[in-house]
Amino acid sequence: MVRASSFGILIGLSAVAALMSRHYRYWACLGGFWRVASVLAIAACIAENSAIACYKYYSYSPEWGVFIGHVPLHVVLIWPLFILGQYHYLRDGLRIGKHD
């Protein structure tokens, strides 16, 4: 059974993603925020599932709820938001990289 806190986390992730998609308009040249975030989520899911399967060094508690392979759905969804947020900080905050 999926805990109520899992739904709260998903709602929070959805809200952050919606705000990021409105703010990070510069991803339009690559198909838009949602396309870039989706590709990153798939890559993160493959990478982390591969690392867990190959190295068997760590695992997630079953209390996380919904899993994609060995990785909780929440973790798969947070990776693109984290990566794109850091990219935005480097690009606009520290002025590193390409600017419009």
C-alpha atoms as a PDB file:
ATOM      1  CA  MET A   1       0.000   0.000   0.000  1.00  0.00           C
ATOM      2  CA  VAL A   2       1.231   3.469  -0.883  1.00  0.00           C
ATOM      3  CA  ARG A   3       1.459   5.808   2.099  1.00  0.00           C
ATOM      4  CA  ALA A   4      -0.277   9.191   2.147  1.00  0.00           C
ATOM      5  CA  SER A   5       3.120  10.905   2.404  1.00  0.00           C
ATOM      6  CA  SER A   6       3.959   9.495  -1.042  1.00  0.00           C
ATOM      7  CA  PHE A   7       1.052  11.390  -2.525  1.00  0.00           C
ATOM      8  CA  GLY A   8       2.185  14.555  -0.759  1.00  0.00           C
ATOM      9  CA  ILE A   9       5.668  14.191  -2.215  1.00  0.00           C
ATOM     10  CA  LEU A  10       4.241  13.651  -5.700  1.00  0.00           C
ATOM     11  CA  ILE A  11       2.065  16.749  -5.365  1.00  0.00           C
ATOM     12  CA  GLY A  12       5.086  18.776  -4.255  1.00  0.00           C
ATOM     13  CA  LEU A  13       7.226  17.472  -7.119  1.00  0.00           C
ATOM     14  CA  SER A  14       4.452  18.292  -9.573  1.00  0.00           C
ATOM     15  CA  ALA A  15       4.160  21.848  -8.263  1.00  0.00           C
ATOM     16  CA  VAL A  16       7.924  22.428  -8.469  1.00  0.00           C
ATOM     17  CA  ALA A  17       8.036  20.958 -11.994  1.00  0.00           C
ATOM     18  CA  ALA A  18       5.154  23.196 -13.116  1.00  0.00           C
ATOM     19  CA  LEU A  19       6.914  26.302 -11.779  1.00  0.00           C
ATOM     20  CA  MET A  20      10.208  25.289 -13.385  1.00  0.00           C
ATOM     21  CA  SER A  21       8.522  24.680 -16.747  1.00  0.00           C
ATOM     22  CA  ARG A  22       7.104  28.222 -16.692  1.00  0.00           C
ATOM     23  CA  HIS A  23      10.382  29.791 -15.622  1.00  0.00           C
ATOM     24  CA  TYR A  24      12.916  27.839 -17.729  1.00  0.00           C
ATOM     25  CA  ARG A  25      11.708  28.882 -21.160  1.00  0.00           C
ATOM     26  CA  TYR A  26      15.190  28.566 -22.681  1.00  0.00           C
ATOM     27  CA  TRP A  27      14.654  24.813 -23.091  1.00  0.00           C
ATOM     28  CA  ALA A  28      12.336  25.480 -26.049  1.00  0.00           C
ATOM     29  CA  CYS A  29      15.244  24.958 -28.444  1.00  0.00           C
ATOM     30  CA  LEU A  30      15.463  21.324 -27.247  1.00  0.00           C
ATOM     31  CA  GLY A  31      11.739  20.624 -27.361  1.00  0.00           C
ATOM     32  CA  GLY A  32      10.728  22.321 -24.127  1.00  0.00           C
ATOM     33  CA  PHE A  33      11.159  21.744 -20.414  1.00  0.00           C
ATOM     34  CA  TRP A  34       8.970  18.628 -20.232  1.00  0.00           C
ATOM     35  CA  ARG A  35      10.852  16.871 -23.014  1.00  0.00           C
ATOM     36  CA  VAL A  36      14.240  17.620 -21.441  1.00  0.00           C
ATOM     37  CA  ALA A  37      12.978  16.598 -17.976  1.00  0.00           C
ATOM     38  CA  SER A  38      11.527  13.357 -19.377  1.00  0.00           C
ATOM     39  CA  VAL A  39      14.797  12.401 -21.050  1.00  0.00           C
ATOM     40  CA  LEU A  40      16.687  13.123 -17.826  1.00  0.00           C
ATOM     41  CA  ALA A  41      14.200  11.072 -15.779  1.00  0.00           C
ATOM     42  CA  ILE A  42      14.585   8.088 -18.119  1.00  0.00           C
ATOM     43  CA  ALA A  43      18.375   8.395 -18.050  1.00  0.00           C
ATOM     44  CA  ALA A  44      18.391   8.691 -14.249  1.00  0.00           C
ATOM     45  CA  CYS A  45      16.130   5.652 -13.929  1.00  0.00           C
ATOM     46  CA  ILE A  46      18.351   3.548 -16.184  1.00  0.00           C
ATOM     47  CA  ALA A  47      21.557   4.731 -14.507  1.00  0.00           C
ATOM     48  CA  GLU A  48      20.413   4.188 -10.936  1.00  0.00           C
ATOM     49  CA  ASN A  49      18.754   0.840 -11.664  1.00  0.00           C
ATOM     50  CA  SER A  50      21.950  -0.280 -13.393  1.00  0.00           C
ATOM     51  CA  ALA A  51      24.126   0.827 -10.454  1.00  0.00           C
ATOM     52  CA  ILE A  52      21.935  -0.958  -7.908  1.00  0.00           C
ATOM     53  CA  ALA A  53      21.735  -4.139 -10.007  1.00  0.00           C
ATOM     54  CA  CYS A  54      25.455  -4.241 -10.821  1.00  0.00           C
ATOM     55  CA  TYR A  55      27.015  -3.215  -7.525  1.00  0.00           C
ATOM     56  CA  LYS A  56      24.306  -4.255  -5.037  1.00  0.00           C
ATOM     57  CA  TYR A  57      25.818  -1.642  -2.716  1.00  0.00           C
ATOM     58  CA  TYR A  58      22.556  -0.033  -1.597  1.00  0.00           C
ATOM     59  CA  SER A  59      18.799  -0.334  -1.837  1.00  0.00           C
ATOM     60  CA  TYR A  60      15.740   1.705  -0.982  1.00  0.00           C
ATOM     61  CA  SER A  61      13.258   0.906   1.758  1.00  0.00           C
ATOM     62  CA  PRO A  62       9.989  -0.638   0.543  1.00  0.00           C
ATOM     63  CA  GLU A  63       8.237   2.173   2.446  1.00  0.00           C
ATOM     64  CA  TRP A  64       8.997   4.489  -0.482  1.00  0.00           C
ATOM     65  CA  GLY A  65       5.950   2.952  -2.171  1.00  0.00           C
ATOM     66  CA  VAL A  66       5.913   2.854  -5.970  1.00  0.00           C
ATOM     67  CA  PHE A  67       9.099   1.539  -7.605  1.00  0.00           C
ATOM     68  CA  ILE A  68      10.449   1.482 -11.145  1.00  0.00           C
ATOM     69  CA  GLY A  69      12.749  -1.499 -10.938  1.00  0.00           C
ATOM     70  CA  HIS A  70      14.910  -0.911  -7.838  1.00  0.00           C
ATOM     71  CA  VAL A  71      14.304   2.849  -7.675  1.00  0.00           C
ATOM     72  CA  PRO A  72      11.345   4.665  -6.097  1.00  0.00           C
ATOM     73  CA  LEU A  73       9.250   6.774  -8.459  1.00  0.00           C
ATOM     74  CA  HIS A  74       9.947   9.837  -6.291  1.00  0.00           C
ATOM     75  CA  VAL A  75      13.687   9.507  -6.841  1.00  0.00           C
ATOM     76  CA  VAL A  76      13.257   9.121 -10.606  1.00  0.00           C
ATOM     77  CA  LEU A  77      11.139  12.283 -10.661  1.00  0.00           C
ATOM     78  CA  ILE A  78      13.429  14.378  -8.454  1.00  0.00           C
ATOM     79  CA  TRP A  79      16.590  13.824 -10.530  1.00  0.00           C
ATOM     80  CA  PRO A  80      15.568  15.984 -13.518  1.00  0.00           C
ATOM     81  CA  LEU A  81      14.358  18.785 -11.224  1.00  0.00           C
ATOM     82  CA  PHE A  82      17.630  18.727  -9.315  1.00  0.00           C
ATOM     83  CA  ILE A  83      19.798  18.626 -12.453  1.00  0.00           C
ATOM     84  CA  LEU A  84      17.849  21.355 -14.263  1.00  0.00           C
ATOM     85  CA  GLY A  85      17.775  23.511 -11.130  1.00  0.00           C
ATOM     86  CA  GLN A  86      21.554  23.254 -10.801  1.00  0.00           C
ATOM     87  CA  TYR A  87      21.974  24.028 -14.494  1.00  0.00           C
ATOM     88  CA  HIS A  88      19.815  27.119 -14.077  1.00  0.00           C
ATOM     89  CA  TYR A  89      21.864  28.228 -11.058  1.00  0.00           C
ATOM     90  CA  LEU A  90      25.126  27.847 -12.974  1.00  0.00           C
ATOM     91  CA  ARG A  91      23.703  29.519 -16.087  1.00  0.00           C
ATOM     92  CA  ASP A  92      21.910  32.483 -14.548  1.00  0.00           C
ATOM     93  CA  GLY A  93      23.173  32.672 -10.980  1.00  0.00           C
ATOM     94  CA  LEU A  94      26.894  32.270 -11.616  1.00  0.00           C
ATOM     95  CA  ARG A  95      26.718  33.371 -15.279  1.00  0.00           C
ATOM     96  CA  ILE A  96      28.501  30.227 -16.482  1.00  0.00           C
ATOM     97  CA  GLY A  97      27.601  28.926 -19.930  1.00  0.00           C
ATOM     98  CA  LYS A  98      25.488  30.171 -22.795  1.00  0.00           C
ATOM     99  CA  HIS A  99      23.172  33.145 -22.282  1.00  0.00           C
ATOM    100  CA  ASP A 100      20.325  34.423 -24.431  1.00  0.00           C
END
